[in-house]
């Protein structure tokens, strides 16, 4: 668990180390850092997609959107709207994605970075979809193999090949037992 003081120290370090592409975003981060109750609800994440309330903030050293505030599928580039929402709803979690040069190599950022909680849900959903796809593939393979065996059995009967007929019906019986 990342503490409030770690988040506060990180924000101070970040603001001292980088120039934000949208100056008002520095003011917003300063406000957040000054409020311990808000800091408890702040989560720094790499991916802000599919989150109920998130902020994207970029520095001047990267070519990204300077600032975006996302809430309930609405997006605004207005820092003041984000500030008013955060101040009015201090009990809501806030997910912040910071974009700055070499962020993936920053130990300071890594120290406060958390996972996107929606990724866990997506992983479960992906696992279920993978399982379902595997079941469908197994069923299709079973049906295909069964049909091929029926055709081969019919051909063995037409040729009068008793040995081939017995071999193929044994294979069919084994296949059918796997379904039981």
C-alpha atoms as a PDB file:
ATOM      1  CA  UNK A   1       0.000   0.000   0.000  1.00  0.00           C
ATOM      2  CA  UNK A   2       1.316   3.388  -0.959  1.00  0.00           C
ATOM      3  CA  UNK A   3       1.125   5.911   1.843  1.00  0.00           C
ATOM      4  CA  UNK A   4      -0.217   9.451   1.696  1.00  0.00           C
ATOM      5  CA  UNK A   5       3.230  10.859   2.478  1.00  0.00           C
ATOM      6  CA  UNK A   6       4.783   8.855  -0.388  1.00  0.00           C
ATOM      7  CA  UNK A   7       2.192  10.274  -2.778  1.00  0.00           C
ATOM      8  CA  UNK A   8       2.743  13.788  -1.450  1.00  0.00           C
ATOM      9  CA  UNK A   9       6.531  13.473  -1.794  1.00  0.00           C
ATOM     10  CA  UNK A  10       6.161  12.110  -5.311  1.00  0.00           C
ATOM     11  CA  UNK A  11       3.925  14.979  -6.429  1.00  0.00           C
ATOM     12  CA  UNK A  12       6.410  17.505  -5.010  1.00  0.00           C
ATOM     13  CA  UNK A  13       9.287  15.730  -6.781  1.00  0.00           C
ATOM     14  CA  UNK A  14       7.319  15.557 -10.028  1.00  0.00           C
ATOM     15  CA  UNK A  15       6.366  19.240  -9.991  1.00  0.00           C
ATOM     16  CA  UNK A  16       9.976  20.241  -9.210  1.00  0.00           C
ATOM     17  CA  UNK A  17      11.388  17.982 -11.936  1.00  0.00           C
ATOM     18  CA  UNK A  18       9.046  18.627 -14.862  1.00  0.00           C
ATOM     19  CA  UNK A  19       7.182  21.459 -16.550  1.00  0.00           C
ATOM     20  CA  UNK A  20       3.596  20.534 -17.296  1.00  0.00           C
ATOM     21  CA  UNK A  21       2.184  21.137 -20.749  1.00  0.00           C
ATOM     22  CA  UNK A  22      -0.886  22.720 -19.136  1.00  0.00           C
ATOM     23  CA  UNK A  23       0.191  25.062 -16.332  1.00  0.00           C
ATOM     24  CA  UNK A  24      -3.145  24.808 -14.482  1.00  0.00           C
ATOM     25  CA  UNK A  25      -2.505  21.071 -13.993  1.00  0.00           C
ATOM     26  CA  UNK A  26       0.410  21.952 -11.681  1.00  0.00           C
ATOM     27  CA  UNK A  27      -2.001  23.963  -9.572  1.00  0.00           C
ATOM     28  CA  UNK A  28      -4.390  20.976  -9.434  1.00  0.00           C
ATOM     29  CA  UNK A  29      -1.614  18.576  -8.381  1.00  0.00           C
ATOM     30  CA  UNK A  30      -0.488  21.066  -5.710  1.00  0.00           C
ATOM     31  CA  UNK A  31      -4.054  21.198  -4.394  1.00  0.00           C
ATOM     32  CA  UNK A  32      -4.281  17.396  -4.314  1.00  0.00           C
ATOM     33  CA  UNK A  33      -0.916  17.139  -2.530  1.00  0.00           C
ATOM     34  CA  UNK A  34      -2.109  19.568   0.138  1.00  0.00           C
ATOM     35  CA  UNK A  35      -5.150  17.458   1.059  1.00  0.00           C
ATOM     36  CA  UNK A  36      -4.412  14.183   2.850  1.00  0.00           C
ATOM     37  CA  UNK A  37      -7.996  12.946   2.550  1.00  0.00           C
ATOM     38  CA  UNK A  38      -7.790  13.387  -1.235  1.00  0.00           C
ATOM     39  CA  UNK A  39      -4.370  11.733  -1.384  1.00  0.00           C
ATOM     40  CA  UNK A  40      -5.885   8.617   0.168  1.00  0.00           C
ATOM     41  CA  UNK A  41      -8.151   8.403  -2.882  1.00  0.00           C
ATOM     42  CA  UNK A  42      -5.429   9.160  -5.464  1.00  0.00           C
ATOM     43  CA  UNK A  43      -3.964   6.291  -7.484  1.00  0.00           C
ATOM     44  CA  UNK A  44      -1.182   6.720 -10.027  1.00  0.00           C
ATOM     45  CA  UNK A  45      -1.663   4.296 -12.921  1.00  0.00           C
ATOM     46  CA  UNK A  46      -0.084   3.684 -16.320  1.00  0.00           C
ATOM     47  CA  UNK A  47      -3.406   3.081 -18.045  1.00  0.00           C
ATOM     48  CA  UNK A  48      -6.439   5.248 -17.265  1.00  0.00           C
ATOM     49  CA  UNK A  49      -8.844   3.470 -19.642  1.00  0.00           C
ATOM     50  CA  UNK A  50     -12.176   2.135 -18.371  1.00  0.00           C
ATOM     51  CA  UNK A  51     -11.875   3.933 -15.036  1.00  0.00           C
ATOM     52  CA  UNK A  52     -14.783   5.888 -13.542  1.00  0.00           C
ATOM     53  CA  UNK A  53     -12.742   9.002 -12.736  1.00  0.00           C
ATOM     54  CA  UNK A  54      -9.306   9.667 -14.137  1.00  0.00           C
ATOM     55  CA  UNK A  55      -6.916  12.419 -15.137  1.00  0.00           C
ATOM     56  CA  UNK A  56      -4.285  12.439 -17.848  1.00  0.00           C
ATOM     57  CA  UNK A  57      -1.476  14.931 -17.330  1.00  0.00           C
ATOM     58  CA  UNK A  58       1.479  15.419 -19.685  1.00  0.00           C
ATOM     59  CA  UNK A  59       4.699  17.332 -19.412  1.00  0.00           C
ATOM     60  CA  UNK A  60       6.221  19.582 -22.066  1.00  0.00           C
ATOM     61  CA  UNK A  61       8.858  16.937 -22.890  1.00  0.00           C
ATOM     62  CA  UNK A  62       6.362  14.512 -24.481  1.00  0.00           C
ATOM     63  CA  UNK A  63       3.911  14.832 -27.348  1.00  0.00           C
ATOM     64  CA  UNK A  64       0.702  13.862 -25.612  1.00  0.00           C
ATOM     65  CA  UNK A  65      -2.541  15.605 -24.860  1.00  0.00           C
ATOM     66  CA  UNK A  66      -1.663  18.161 -22.153  1.00  0.00           C
ATOM     67  CA  UNK A  67      -4.610  17.431 -19.866  1.00  0.00           C
ATOM     68  CA  UNK A  68      -7.831  15.449 -19.868  1.00  0.00           C
ATOM     69  CA  UNK A  69     -10.316  14.743 -17.133  1.00  0.00           C
ATOM     70  CA  UNK A  70     -12.489  11.657 -17.564  1.00  0.00           C
ATOM     71  CA  UNK A  71     -15.566  10.942 -15.504  1.00  0.00           C
ATOM     72  CA  UNK A  72     -18.365   8.514 -16.338  1.00  0.00           C
ATOM     73  CA  UNK A  73     -17.515   8.419 -20.049  1.00  0.00           C
ATOM     74  CA  UNK A  74     -17.325  12.220 -20.309  1.00  0.00           C
ATOM     75  CA  UNK A  75     -14.072  13.927 -21.206  1.00  0.00           C
ATOM     76  CA  UNK A  76     -12.946  17.514 -20.797  1.00  0.00           C
ATOM     77  CA  UNK A  77      -9.603  19.288 -21.250  1.00  0.00           C
ATOM     78  CA  UNK A  78     -10.658  21.830 -18.599  1.00  0.00           C
ATOM     79  CA  UNK A  79      -8.602  21.709 -15.388  1.00  0.00           C
ATOM     80  CA  UNK A  80     -11.144  23.833 -13.503  1.00  0.00           C
ATOM     81  CA  UNK A  81     -13.904  21.275 -14.191  1.00  0.00           C
ATOM     82  CA  UNK A  82     -11.656  18.565 -12.767  1.00  0.00           C
ATOM     83  CA  UNK A  83     -10.857  20.693  -9.729  1.00  0.00           C
ATOM     84  CA  UNK A  84     -14.530  21.417  -9.016  1.00  0.00           C
ATOM     85  CA  UNK A  85     -15.438  17.753  -9.341  1.00  0.00           C
ATOM     86  CA  UNK A  86     -12.586  16.616  -7.093  1.00  0.00           C
ATOM     87  CA  UNK A  87     -13.429  19.246  -4.487  1.00  0.00           C
ATOM     88  CA  UNK A  88     -17.150  18.376  -4.614  1.00  0.00           C
ATOM     89  CA  UNK A  89     -16.580  14.599  -4.449  1.00  0.00           C
ATOM     90  CA  UNK A  90     -13.623  14.027  -2.116  1.00  0.00           C
ATOM     91  CA  UNK A  91     -14.642  10.420  -1.399  1.00  0.00           C
ATOM     92  CA  UNK A  92     -14.327   9.251  -5.011  1.00  0.00           C
ATOM     93  CA  UNK A  93     -11.183   7.472  -6.161  1.00  0.00           C
ATOM     94  CA  UNK A  94      -9.067   9.449  -8.645  1.00  0.00           C
ATOM     95  CA  UNK A  95      -6.772   7.663 -11.074  1.00  0.00           C
ATOM     96  CA  UNK A  96      -3.953   9.785 -12.464  1.00  0.00           C
ATOM     97  CA  UNK A  97      -1.891   8.894 -15.489  1.00  0.00           C
ATOM     98  CA  UNK A  98       1.246  10.987 -15.840  1.00  0.00           C
ATOM     99  CA  UNK A  99       3.098  11.163 -19.126  1.00  0.00           C
ATOM    100  CA  UNK A 100       6.666  12.399 -19.010  1.00  0.00           C
ATOM    101  CA  UNK A 101       9.999  11.572 -20.601  1.00  0.00           C
ATOM    102  CA  UNK A 102      11.435   8.220 -19.510  1.00  0.00           C
ATOM    103  CA  UNK A 103       8.564   7.541 -17.115  1.00  0.00           C
ATOM    104  CA  UNK A 104       9.070   3.790 -17.509  1.00  0.00           C
ATOM    105  CA  UNK A 105      12.586   4.217 -16.085  1.00  0.00           C
ATOM    106  CA  UNK A 106      11.600   6.499 -13.197  1.00  0.00           C
ATOM    107  CA  UNK A 107      12.043   4.842  -9.787  1.00  0.00           C
ATOM    108  CA  UNK A 108      10.093   7.707  -8.216  1.00  0.00           C
ATOM    109  CA  UNK A 109       7.079   6.985 -10.426  1.00  0.00           C
ATOM    110  CA  UNK A 110       7.411   3.227 -10.012  1.00  0.00           C
ATOM    111  CA  UNK A 111       7.299   3.687  -6.227  1.00  0.00           C
ATOM    112  CA  UNK A 112       3.783   5.172  -6.364  1.00  0.00           C
ATOM    113  CA  UNK A 113       2.458   3.288  -9.386  1.00  0.00           C
ATOM    114  CA  UNK A 114      -0.568   1.062  -8.905  1.00  0.00           C
ATOM    115  CA  UNK A 115      -2.342  -1.296 -11.243  1.00  0.00           C
ATOM    116  CA  UNK A 116      -5.535  -0.345 -13.022  1.00  0.00           C
ATOM    117  CA  UNK A 117      -8.281  -2.205 -11.121  1.00  0.00           C
ATOM    118  CA  UNK A 118     -10.215  -2.663 -14.360  1.00  0.00           C
ATOM    119  CA  UNK A 119      -7.300  -4.658 -15.800  1.00  0.00           C
ATOM    120  CA  UNK A 120      -7.990  -7.381 -13.227  1.00  0.00           C
ATOM    121  CA  UNK A 121     -11.613  -7.503 -14.317  1.00  0.00           C
ATOM    122  CA  UNK A 122     -10.510  -7.561 -17.944  1.00  0.00           C
ATOM    123  CA  UNK A 123      -8.107 -10.414 -17.173  1.00  0.00           C
ATOM    124  CA  UNK A 124     -10.973 -12.428 -15.659  1.00  0.00           C
ATOM    125  CA  UNK A 125     -13.157 -11.603 -18.651  1.00  0.00           C
ATOM    126  CA  UNK A 126     -10.336 -12.544 -21.027  1.00  0.00           C
ATOM    127  CA  UNK A 127      -9.810 -15.844 -19.197  1.00  0.00           C
ATOM    128  CA  UNK A 128     -13.502 -16.640 -19.469  1.00  0.00           C
ATOM    129  CA  UNK A 129     -13.517 -15.771 -23.174  1.00  0.00           C
ATOM    130  CA  UNK A 130     -10.440 -17.928 -23.689  1.00  0.00           C
ATOM    131  CA  UNK A 131     -12.114 -20.839 -21.897  1.00  0.00           C
ATOM    132  CA  UNK A 132     -15.282 -20.385 -23.942  1.00  0.00           C
ATOM    133  CA  UNK A 133     -13.280 -20.279 -27.183  1.00  0.00           C
ATOM    134  CA  UNK A 134     -11.477 -23.446 -26.167  1.00  0.00           C
ATOM    135  CA  UNK A 135     -14.797 -25.170 -25.452  1.00  0.00           C
ATOM    136  CA  UNK A 136     -16.196 -24.115 -28.839  1.00  0.00           C
ATOM    137  CA  UNK A 137     -13.028 -25.303 -30.584  1.00  0.00           C
ATOM    138  CA  UNK A 138     -13.199 -28.648 -28.748  1.00  0.00           C
ATOM    139  CA  UNK A 139     -16.839 -29.054 -29.802  1.00  0.00           C
ATOM    140  CA  UNK A 140     -16.075 -28.216 -33.440  1.00  0.00           C
ATOM    141  CA  UNK A 141     -13.113 -30.604 -33.462  1.00  0.00           C
ATOM    142  CA  UNK A 142     -15.271 -33.340 -31.924  1.00  0.00           C
ATOM    143  CA  UNK A 143     -18.025 -32.838 -34.526  1.00  0.00           C
ATOM    144  CA  UNK A 144     -15.515 -32.783 -37.398  1.00  0.00           C
ATOM    145  CA  UNK A 145     -13.761 -35.952 -36.222  1.00  0.00           C
ATOM    146  CA  UNK A 146     -17.089 -37.724 -35.660  1.00  0.00           C
ATOM    147  CA  UNK A 147     -18.317 -36.828 -39.159  1.00  0.00           C
ATOM    148  CA  UNK A 148     -15.034 -37.995 -40.727  1.00  0.00           C
ATOM    149  CA  UNK A 149     -15.292 -41.305 -38.851  1.00  0.00           C
ATOM    150  CA  UNK A 150     -18.896 -41.831 -39.989  1.00  0.00           C
ATOM    151  CA  UNK A 151     -17.863 -41.212 -43.595  1.00  0.00           C
ATOM    152  CA  UNK A 152     -14.875 -43.575 -43.295  1.00  0.00           C
ATOM    153  CA  UNK A 153     -17.077 -46.246 -41.653  1.00  0.00           C
ATOM    154  CA  UNK A 154     -19.561 -45.970 -44.525  1.00  0.00           C
ATOM    155  CA  UNK A 155     -16.722 -46.367 -47.034  1.00  0.00           C
ATOM    156  CA  UNK A 156     -15.361 -49.424 -45.186  1.00  0.00           C
ATOM    157  CA  UNK A 157     -18.860 -50.970 -45.278  1.00  0.00           C
ATOM    158  CA  UNK A 158     -19.196 -50.267 -49.004  1.00  0.00           C
ATOM    159  CA  UNK A 159     -15.801 -51.873 -49.667  1.00  0.00           C
ATOM    160  CA  UNK A 160     -16.603 -54.811 -47.367  1.00  0.00           C
ATOM    161  CA  UNK A 161     -13.391 -54.145 -45.381  1.00  0.00           C
ATOM    162  CA  UNK A 162     -14.246 -55.759 -42.024  1.00  0.00           C
ATOM    163  CA  UNK A 163     -10.893 -54.954 -40.356  1.00  0.00           C
ATOM    164  CA  UNK A 164     -11.108 -51.266 -41.310  1.00  0.00           C
ATOM    165  CA  UNK A 165     -14.765 -51.149 -40.189  1.00  0.00           C
ATOM    166  CA  UNK A 166     -13.880 -52.593 -36.738  1.00  0.00           C
ATOM    167  CA  UNK A 167     -10.906 -50.222 -36.357  1.00  0.00           C
ATOM    168  CA  UNK A 168     -12.988 -47.162 -37.266  1.00  0.00           C
ATOM    169  CA  UNK A 169     -15.972 -48.103 -35.073  1.00  0.00           C
ATOM    170  CA  UNK A 170     -13.556 -48.592 -32.151  1.00  0.00           C
ATOM    171  CA  UNK A 171     -12.193 -45.099 -32.797  1.00  0.00           C
ATOM    172  CA  UNK A 172     -15.745 -43.726 -32.933  1.00  0.00           C
ATOM    173  CA  UNK A 173     -16.666 -45.442 -29.663  1.00  0.00           C
ATOM    174  CA  UNK A 174     -13.551 -44.010 -27.985  1.00  0.00           C
ATOM    175  CA  UNK A 175     -14.433 -40.551 -29.263  1.00  0.00           C
ATOM    176  CA  UNK A 176     -18.010 -40.844 -28.024  1.00  0.00           C
ATOM    177  CA  UNK A 177     -16.791 -41.977 -24.565  1.00  0.00           C
ATOM    178  CA  UNK A 178     -14.805 -38.727 -24.197  1.00  0.00           C
ATOM    179  CA  UNK A 179     -18.073 -36.788 -24.278  1.00  0.00           C
ATOM    180  CA  UNK A 180     -19.813 -38.804 -21.571  1.00  0.00           C
END
